[in-house]
Protein backbone atom coordinates (compact mmCIF):
# COMPACT_ATOMS: atom_id res chain seq x y z
CA MET A 1 109.31 60.49 -113.17
CA ALA A 2 111.78 59.21 -115.17
CA GLU A 3 113.67 57.81 -112.26
CA HIS A 4 111.01 55.69 -111.04
CA ALA A 5 109.81 54.16 -114.68
CA ASP A 6 111.73 50.82 -113.88
CA HIS A 7 109.91 49.65 -111.00
CA PRO A 8 106.07 48.71 -110.85
CA ALA A 9 103.22 50.51 -109.00
CA TYR A 10 102.18 49.86 -105.85
CA PRO A 11 98.63 48.81 -105.52
CA VAL A 12 96.61 50.44 -102.98
CA GLY A 13 92.93 51.35 -101.96
CA LEU A 14 92.19 55.21 -101.78
CA ARG A 15 89.78 55.77 -98.88
CA LEU A 16 88.13 59.61 -100.23
CA SER A 17 84.89 59.72 -98.69
CA GLY A 18 84.49 63.79 -97.64
CA ARG A 19 88.63 64.12 -98.92
CA ARG A 20 88.95 66.98 -101.41
CA VAL A 21 89.55 66.06 -104.70
CA VAL A 22 90.51 68.43 -108.15
CA VAL A 23 89.80 67.08 -111.56
CA VAL A 24 91.18 69.39 -114.27
CA GLY A 25 89.77 69.16 -117.61
CA GLY A 26 85.75 68.13 -118.30
CA GLY A 27 85.67 65.98 -121.08
CA GLN A 28 85.57 62.43 -122.02
CA VAL A 29 88.33 61.26 -119.45
CA ALA A 30 86.31 63.29 -116.81
CA GLN A 31 83.00 62.01 -117.70
CA ARG A 32 84.33 58.37 -117.19
CA ARG A 33 86.24 58.75 -113.81
CA LEU A 34 84.02 61.23 -112.43
CA PRO A 35 80.97 58.67 -111.15
CA ALA A 36 83.52 56.18 -109.52
CA LEU A 37 84.87 59.44 -107.84
CA ILE A 38 81.36 60.60 -106.87
CA ALA A 39 80.38 56.96 -105.83
CA ALA A 40 83.54 56.91 -103.34
CA GLY A 41 82.10 59.79 -101.50
CA ALA A 42 85.09 62.14 -102.65
CA ASP A 43 84.55 66.04 -102.24
CA ILE A 44 84.73 66.96 -105.84
CA THR A 45 85.83 70.38 -107.62
CA LEU A 46 85.97 70.61 -111.09
CA VAL A 47 88.46 73.08 -112.89
CA SER A 48 87.50 73.49 -116.52
CA PRO A 49 86.78 76.16 -118.72
CA SER A 50 84.08 73.92 -120.33
CA ALA A 51 82.50 70.43 -120.17
CA THR A 52 80.59 67.93 -121.67
CA PRO A 53 76.98 67.74 -120.97
CA SER A 54 76.97 64.53 -118.76
CA VAL A 55 79.60 66.62 -116.80
CA GLU A 56 77.54 69.46 -116.77
CA ALA A 57 74.99 67.69 -115.33
CA MET A 58 76.83 66.11 -112.52
CA ALA A 59 77.33 69.79 -111.58
CA ASP A 60 74.04 70.61 -112.05
CA ALA A 61 72.89 67.91 -109.69
CA GLY A 62 75.48 69.22 -106.83
CA GLU A 63 77.39 66.05 -107.12
CA ILE A 64 80.30 68.05 -108.21
CA ARG A 65 81.53 71.89 -107.94
CA TRP A 66 82.46 73.21 -111.12
CA GLU A 67 84.86 76.28 -111.29
CA ARG A 68 84.70 77.17 -114.70
CA ARG A 69 88.11 78.38 -115.75
CA ARG A 70 91.40 77.00 -116.62
CA TYR A 71 93.77 75.71 -114.09
CA ALA A 72 95.89 77.91 -111.81
CA ASP A 73 99.05 77.40 -109.65
CA GLY A 74 97.55 76.46 -105.97
CA ASP A 75 94.29 74.53 -107.11
CA LEU A 76 95.70 71.69 -105.46
CA ALA A 77 96.02 72.95 -102.00
CA ASP A 78 94.92 70.48 -99.26
CA THR A 79 93.87 68.00 -102.29
CA TRP A 80 94.63 64.34 -101.86
CA TYR A 81 93.71 63.23 -105.16
CA ALA A 82 93.87 64.60 -108.40
CA LEU A 83 92.68 63.60 -112.01
CA ILE A 84 94.58 65.68 -114.63
CA ALA A 85 92.92 64.67 -117.83
CA SER A 86 92.52 68.55 -119.92
CA ASP A 87 93.38 69.29 -123.43
CA ASP A 88 95.79 71.84 -122.58
CA ALA A 89 99.39 70.42 -122.16
CA ALA A 90 100.89 73.37 -120.39
CA ALA A 91 97.93 73.22 -117.72
CA ASN A 92 98.53 69.41 -117.27
CA ASP A 93 102.16 69.82 -116.93
CA ALA A 94 101.96 72.44 -114.43
CA ALA A 95 99.08 71.28 -112.34
CA SER A 96 101.51 67.53 -112.31
CA ALA A 97 104.45 69.78 -110.98
CA GLU A 98 102.03 71.17 -108.39
CA ALA A 99 100.92 67.67 -107.39
CA GLU A 100 104.77 66.58 -107.15
CA ARG A 101 105.81 69.61 -104.78
CA THR A 102 102.58 68.73 -102.75
CA ARG A 103 102.82 65.18 -102.75
CA THR A 104 99.44 64.61 -103.92
CA TRP A 105 98.67 61.33 -105.39
CA CYS A 106 97.99 62.56 -109.18
CA VAL A 107 96.69 60.64 -112.54
CA ARG A 108 97.32 62.25 -115.60
CA SER A 109 95.46 61.27 -119.02
CA ASP A 110 98.02 62.56 -121.20
CA ASN A 111 101.11 61.21 -119.84
CA ALA A 112 101.52 58.28 -117.55
CA ASP A 113 105.24 58.22 -116.96
CA ALA A 114 104.54 62.43 -115.70
CA ALA A 115 102.07 61.01 -113.37
CA THR A 116 102.52 59.77 -109.30
CA ALA A 117 99.80 57.30 -109.57
CA TRP A 118 98.04 55.31 -111.96
CA THR A 119 94.37 54.52 -112.48
CA PRO A 120 93.79 50.43 -112.62
CA ALA A 121 91.23 48.68 -114.63
CA THR A 122 88.57 48.53 -112.39
CA GLY A 123 85.07 46.14 -111.97
CA ARG A 124 83.09 45.29 -108.87
CA SER A 125 80.92 41.99 -108.30
CA GLU A 126 79.00 41.58 -104.81
CA GLY A 127 81.06 43.50 -102.45
CA VAL A 128 84.56 43.10 -103.91
CA THR A 129 86.09 45.58 -106.81
CA VAL A 130 88.77 43.91 -108.83
CA ALA A 131 91.18 46.66 -109.96
CA VAL A 132 94.07 45.44 -112.52
CA LEU A 133 97.63 47.21 -113.18
CA SER A 134 100.23 45.86 -115.62
CA THR A 135 103.49 44.99 -113.35
CA ASP A 136 105.65 45.48 -116.79
CA ALA A 137 106.46 48.84 -116.47
CA GLN A 138 108.10 49.14 -120.13
CA GLY A 139 105.28 47.70 -121.38
CA ARG A 140 101.77 49.06 -120.14
CA ASP A 141 98.86 47.79 -122.01
CA PRO A 142 95.54 49.26 -121.01
CA ARG A 143 93.60 46.65 -123.29
CA HIS A 144 95.17 43.88 -121.85
CA SER A 145 94.48 44.66 -118.02
CA ALA A 146 91.32 45.80 -119.07
CA ALA A 147 90.56 42.47 -120.58
CA VAL A 148 91.73 40.60 -117.64
CA ARG A 149 89.61 42.48 -115.09
CA ASP A 150 86.42 41.49 -117.57
CA ALA A 151 87.78 37.65 -117.20
CA ILE A 152 87.38 37.90 -113.74
CA VAL A 153 84.79 40.21 -113.17
CA GLU A 154 82.39 37.89 -115.43
CA GLY A 155 83.85 34.74 -113.90
CA LEU A 156 83.00 36.15 -110.11
CA ARG A 157 79.48 37.09 -111.42
CA ASP A 158 78.46 34.06 -113.44
CA GLY A 159 80.00 31.54 -110.73
CA THR A 160 82.83 30.00 -113.38
CA LEU A 161 85.69 31.48 -111.10
CA ALA A 162 85.15 29.88 -107.68
CA ALA A 163 85.71 32.28 -104.64
CA PRO A 164 84.35 30.67 -101.70
CA HIS A 165 83.77 32.53 -98.50
CA HIS A 166 86.02 31.97 -95.66
CA ARG A 167 85.29 34.60 -93.05
CA THR A 168 81.52 35.03 -93.50
CA ARG A 169 79.38 32.37 -95.88
CA PRO A 170 75.78 33.25 -97.62
CA VAL A 171 73.22 33.38 -94.67
CA PRO A 172 71.39 29.68 -95.19
CA GLY A 173 68.07 29.74 -96.51
CA VAL A 174 66.42 28.98 -99.97
CA SER A 175 66.96 30.66 -103.46
CA LEU A 176 64.43 30.17 -106.16
CA VAL A 177 65.98 30.65 -109.06
CA GLY A 178 64.69 30.85 -112.71
CA GLY A 179 66.75 28.86 -114.64
CA GLY A 180 65.47 29.95 -118.22
CA PRO A 181 64.38 28.26 -121.16
CA GLY A 182 66.92 25.84 -121.34
CA ASP A 183 69.90 26.89 -122.77
CA PRO A 184 72.71 27.12 -119.85
CA ASP A 185 73.75 30.83 -121.07
CA LEU A 186 70.23 32.18 -120.37
CA ILE A 187 70.39 31.97 -116.74
CA THR A 188 70.71 35.29 -115.43
CA VAL A 189 74.46 36.54 -113.62
CA ARG A 190 72.78 36.17 -110.04
CA GLY A 191 71.06 33.11 -110.58
CA ARG A 192 74.66 31.72 -111.69
CA ARG A 193 76.34 32.49 -109.00
CA LEU A 194 73.83 31.16 -106.30
CA LEU A 195 74.34 28.15 -108.06
CA ALA A 196 77.96 28.37 -107.16
CA GLU A 197 77.35 29.17 -103.70
CA ALA A 198 74.57 26.73 -103.09
CA ASP A 199 74.97 23.55 -100.97
CA VAL A 200 72.12 21.44 -102.04
CA VAL A 201 70.33 22.46 -105.27
CA ILE A 202 66.74 20.83 -105.87
CA ALA A 203 66.08 20.84 -109.65
CA ASP A 204 63.32 20.42 -112.39
CA ARG A 205 63.76 18.60 -115.28
CA LEU A 206 63.40 21.71 -117.10
CA GLY A 207 66.06 23.54 -115.93
CA PRO A 208 69.05 24.43 -117.40
CA ARG A 209 70.81 20.62 -116.85
CA ASP A 210 74.04 21.54 -118.38
CA LEU A 211 74.92 23.77 -115.35
CA LEU A 212 74.20 20.83 -112.97
CA ASP A 213 77.43 19.60 -114.27
CA GLU A 214 79.47 22.28 -113.46
CA LEU A 215 78.42 22.52 -109.85
CA PRO A 216 81.44 21.55 -107.58
CA PRO A 217 81.58 18.13 -106.16
CA HIS A 218 80.23 18.53 -102.43
CA VAL A 219 77.25 20.12 -103.86
CA GLU A 220 74.29 17.90 -103.25
CA VAL A 221 72.03 17.86 -106.73
CA ILE A 222 68.26 16.53 -106.16
CA ASP A 223 65.92 15.61 -108.90
CA ALA A 224 62.72 17.26 -108.15
CA ALA A 225 61.13 14.54 -109.83
CA LYS A 226 62.74 11.65 -107.56
CA ILE A 227 61.73 13.04 -104.18
CA PRO A 228 60.39 10.33 -102.13
CA TYR A 229 56.45 11.51 -101.63
CA GLY A 230 55.26 9.46 -98.90
CA ARG A 231 52.30 10.83 -97.24
CA PHE A 232 53.07 14.18 -99.16
CA MET A 233 51.77 15.03 -102.42
CA ALA A 234 54.43 15.90 -105.06
CA GLN A 235 54.64 19.52 -104.50
CA GLU A 236 54.42 19.35 -100.58
CA ALA A 237 57.10 16.94 -101.01
CA ILE A 238 59.54 19.51 -102.73
CA ASN A 239 58.70 21.92 -100.19
CA GLN A 240 59.36 19.83 -97.07
CA ALA A 241 62.84 18.73 -98.81
CA LEU A 242 63.68 22.87 -99.05
CA ILE A 243 62.35 23.07 -95.66
CA GLU A 244 64.37 20.61 -94.26
CA HIS A 245 67.66 21.61 -96.07
CA ALA A 246 67.63 25.06 -95.06
CA LYS A 247 66.90 23.95 -91.50
CA ALA A 248 70.28 22.22 -91.57
CA GLY A 249 71.90 25.27 -92.28
CA LYS A 250 72.43 24.79 -96.00
CA ALA A 251 72.26 27.27 -98.55
CA VAL A 252 69.54 26.00 -101.14
CA VAL A 253 68.82 26.72 -104.54
CA ARG A 254 65.50 25.63 -105.90
CA LEU A 255 66.60 25.76 -109.61
CA LYS A 256 63.30 25.83 -112.16
CA GLY A 257 62.88 26.22 -115.75
CA GLY A 258 61.87 29.69 -117.05
CA ASP A 259 60.56 31.98 -114.51
CA PRO A 260 59.67 30.73 -111.00
CA PHE A 261 56.49 32.67 -110.75
CA VAL A 262 55.37 31.62 -114.50
CA PHE A 263 53.25 28.54 -114.18
CA GLY A 264 56.31 27.35 -111.90
CA ARG A 265 54.81 27.11 -108.26
CA GLY A 266 57.29 28.90 -107.27
CA MET A 267 54.80 31.20 -104.81
CA GLU A 268 53.27 28.17 -103.20
CA GLU A 269 57.43 27.11 -102.33
CA ALA A 270 57.90 31.04 -101.17
CA GLN A 271 54.69 30.74 -98.94
CA ALA A 272 55.47 27.28 -97.41
CA LEU A 273 58.82 28.59 -96.42
CA ALA A 274 57.73 31.78 -95.16
CA ALA A 275 55.59 29.68 -92.86
CA GLU A 276 58.42 28.04 -91.26
CA GLY A 277 60.20 31.47 -91.12
CA ILE A 278 62.89 30.61 -93.64
CA SER A 279 64.49 33.25 -95.83
CA CYS A 280 63.87 33.27 -99.70
CA THR A 281 65.33 34.85 -102.34
CA VAL A 282 63.35 35.23 -105.80
CA VAL A 283 65.91 35.21 -108.71
CA PRO A 284 63.73 36.14 -111.87
CA GLY A 285 64.70 34.00 -115.02
CA ILE A 286 63.69 34.40 -118.50
CA SER A 287 60.50 33.05 -119.47
CA SER A 288 60.06 30.32 -122.09
CA SER A 289 56.81 32.57 -123.34
CA ILE A 290 59.08 34.91 -124.87
CA SER A 291 62.62 33.61 -125.18
CA VAL A 292 61.38 30.37 -127.03
CA PRO A 293 59.34 32.32 -129.81
CA GLY A 294 62.16 34.70 -130.00
CA ALA A 295 64.74 32.11 -130.53
CA ALA A 296 62.50 30.59 -133.43
CA GLY A 297 62.36 34.00 -135.15
CA ILE A 298 58.86 34.78 -133.90
CA PRO A 299 58.22 38.26 -132.30
CA VAL A 300 55.62 37.85 -129.77
CA THR A 301 54.62 41.51 -130.39
CA HIS A 302 55.29 43.37 -133.45
CA ARG A 303 54.30 46.97 -135.00
CA GLY A 304 51.09 46.85 -136.86
CA VAL A 305 50.69 43.22 -136.38
CA ALA A 306 50.18 42.58 -132.57
CA HIS A 307 49.80 45.01 -129.60
CA GLU A 308 49.60 42.50 -127.12
CA PHE A 309 50.21 38.74 -126.02
CA THR A 310 48.60 36.51 -123.65
CA VAL A 311 50.54 33.87 -121.90
CA VAL A 312 48.18 30.70 -121.14
CA SER A 313 48.78 27.40 -119.24
CA GLY A 314 47.24 24.82 -121.27
CA HIS A 315 47.70 21.79 -119.20
CA VAL A 316 44.04 21.62 -118.59
CA ALA A 317 41.44 21.45 -121.66
CA PRO A 318 39.16 23.82 -122.50
CA ASP A 319 36.16 21.94 -121.21
CA ASP A 320 37.42 20.75 -118.00
CA GLU A 321 35.53 21.78 -115.06
CA ARG A 322 38.94 22.71 -113.23
CA SER A 323 40.06 25.40 -116.47
CA LEU A 324 40.21 28.87 -115.18
CA VAL A 325 40.55 29.91 -118.74
CA ASP A 326 37.99 32.45 -120.39
CA TRP A 327 38.74 30.51 -124.27
CA ALA A 328 35.75 32.44 -125.50
CA ALA A 329 37.30 35.92 -124.50
CA LEU A 330 40.68 34.72 -125.84
CA ALA A 331 38.93 33.91 -129.03
CA GLN A 332 38.26 37.60 -129.59
CA LEU A 333 41.81 39.19 -129.08
CA ARG A 334 43.44 40.26 -132.09
CA GLY A 335 46.98 39.46 -130.27
CA THR A 336 49.27 36.87 -130.17
CA LEU A 337 48.55 33.77 -127.75
CA VAL A 338 51.21 31.92 -126.31
CA LEU A 339 50.24 28.17 -124.81
CA LEU A 340 52.46 26.64 -122.36
CA MET A 341 52.10 23.14 -121.50
CA ALA A 342 49.23 22.72 -124.19
CA VAL A 343 50.88 19.95 -126.46
CA ASP A 344 48.55 17.31 -125.52
CA LYS A 345 45.40 19.51 -125.40
CA ILE A 346 46.11 21.66 -128.53
CA GLY A 347 43.52 19.59 -130.39
CA ALA A 348 40.62 20.56 -128.16
CA ILE A 349 42.10 24.39 -127.60
CA ALA A 350 42.21 24.60 -131.57
CA GLN A 351 38.31 23.74 -131.66
CA ALA A 352 37.44 25.73 -128.48
CA LEU A 353 39.12 28.63 -130.00
CA ILE A 354 37.72 28.38 -133.73
CA GLY A 355 33.95 27.66 -131.97
CA HIS A 356 34.29 30.99 -130.21
CA GLY A 357 35.12 32.43 -133.84
CA LYS A 358 38.55 32.55 -134.27
CA SER A 359 39.75 32.09 -138.00
CA PRO A 360 40.54 28.57 -138.64
CA ASP A 361 43.31 29.70 -140.79
CA THR A 362 45.18 31.65 -137.87
CA PRO A 363 48.68 30.81 -137.92
CA VAL A 364 50.60 28.74 -135.62
CA ALA A 365 53.52 27.61 -134.48
CA LEU A 366 54.71 24.56 -132.28
CA VAL A 367 58.47 25.16 -131.01
CA GLN A 368 59.64 22.13 -129.51
CA GLU A 369 62.89 22.29 -126.68
CA GLY A 370 63.35 26.29 -127.65
CA THR A 371 66.95 27.44 -127.04
CA THR A 372 68.57 23.96 -126.82
CA ALA A 373 70.63 22.27 -129.85
CA ALA A 374 67.12 20.10 -130.52
CA GLN A 375 65.07 22.94 -130.92
CA ARG A 376 62.48 22.47 -133.59
CA ARG A 377 59.46 24.48 -135.57
CA VAL A 378 56.37 23.02 -136.95
CA ASP A 379 54.30 25.40 -138.45
CA ALA A 380 50.07 25.15 -139.07
CA THR A 381 46.98 26.58 -138.82
CA LEU A 382 44.10 26.45 -136.04
CA ALA A 383 42.47 23.94 -138.31
CA THR A 384 45.72 21.80 -138.95
CA VAL A 385 47.74 21.99 -135.89
CA ALA A 386 46.41 18.98 -133.98
CA GLU A 387 46.79 16.44 -137.45
CA ARG A 388 50.30 18.51 -137.43
CA ALA A 389 51.34 18.14 -133.87
CA ALA A 390 50.70 14.26 -134.09
CA ALA A 391 52.24 13.77 -137.51
CA GLU A 392 55.45 15.43 -136.56
CA GLU A 393 55.32 14.01 -133.00
CA VAL A 394 55.81 16.92 -131.30
CA ARG A 395 56.41 16.50 -127.71
CA PRO A 396 56.71 18.23 -124.51
CA PRO A 397 58.74 20.70 -123.79
CA ALA A 398 57.17 23.10 -126.28
CA VAL A 399 55.89 26.74 -126.61
CA ILE A 400 52.90 26.86 -128.91
CA VAL A 401 52.34 30.61 -130.55
CA ILE A 402 49.01 31.48 -132.33
CA GLY A 403 48.46 34.45 -134.26
CA ASP A 404 49.65 36.71 -136.88
CA VAL A 405 53.36 37.01 -135.74
CA VAL A 406 53.91 33.48 -136.38
CA ALA A 407 54.29 34.72 -140.17
CA VAL A 408 56.51 37.94 -139.52
CA GLY A 409 60.08 37.19 -139.75
CA THR A 410 60.16 33.79 -141.14
CA ASP A 411 63.34 32.69 -141.80
CA THR A 412 64.95 35.48 -140.34
CA LEU A 413 66.74 33.75 -137.13
CA PRO A 414 68.79 30.74 -137.92
CA ASN A 415 67.60 27.66 -135.75
CA PRO A 416 70.04 26.52 -132.93
CA ALA A 417 70.07 22.90 -134.06
CA GLU A 418 71.56 24.09 -137.75
């Protein structure tokens, strides 16, 4: 192969479904490469006296055939592709020579210059395979190729690398996307990609607002709080806006804070869309009920301290006839209580819990603007939380954690604001 070394490789995608592939050597290289060959539908024969436990498991599962012996001349007969990856240099040379004679595409893990093919750094995202090969035949750098591959795949996944569809585009409909607790890095990969593909984004004020600045200029961004209500109530108006834009053939993202189904009225929106025959995709988000306490150094569960946690909406006071919460039962729980939307009701809630038997000395933490640069934490007890919240001027959005876990890990994690 020396006479070919000065020329770059010609990139091509091999269609190996149902075609014979031979792998020589059952070590770590085979363990890394075999899953992709199996996914390609190849008819795989492994030739090796031994194999790693993972490779052996593939054989036991019937995904590959394993011939437990050393390579022998003729093993590559009728083979479309060969991976030579044993620790026997003589066997590797012999197999590579057979591949050259039989015009079989052959990759060698120990000597790329003796191979007839090279394996690119490969990644996949949403139906696209990204394969990166160095074009410098004299200075191939697999780590650089892998880094380029990773950057491209990550950009495709999170939407920072724009790759619009030209032959087909996303089917018009609505995606209910949970944006997470506020930090734009905490939205899911799928949620960020859908944002990048959207025509219209209807956003809550508690969603990750920084992501909106990254949207292409043609995307229409609508503040859900400013939708004209007219004859509709607030939620009905939002539902109607989703329906109208989807029926206009637009790809619509409903960007919500936290998770769409954790006090987010996501199901109401999904039901309204279903009633109109509009497709709806739900993308779960990281709920502030667990992420905000975690960012403030509070584990909602901890061995020997709390074996359960309960998430409660505090937007209705305990003595309000509309309340669906059994505060008496909650007061008897030994685990963690996480309150959302409860800042202005925390005094009444604390009194109700104490009145039903919860110790006044139970630790409480109020975490405002969790996961953002403005995050701050105020500690108190059930007996003092109302006074502390007022004195410290705690404002929504804030997550309130009640329970002994508040005292676990104090000062272990840094505050993002610091």
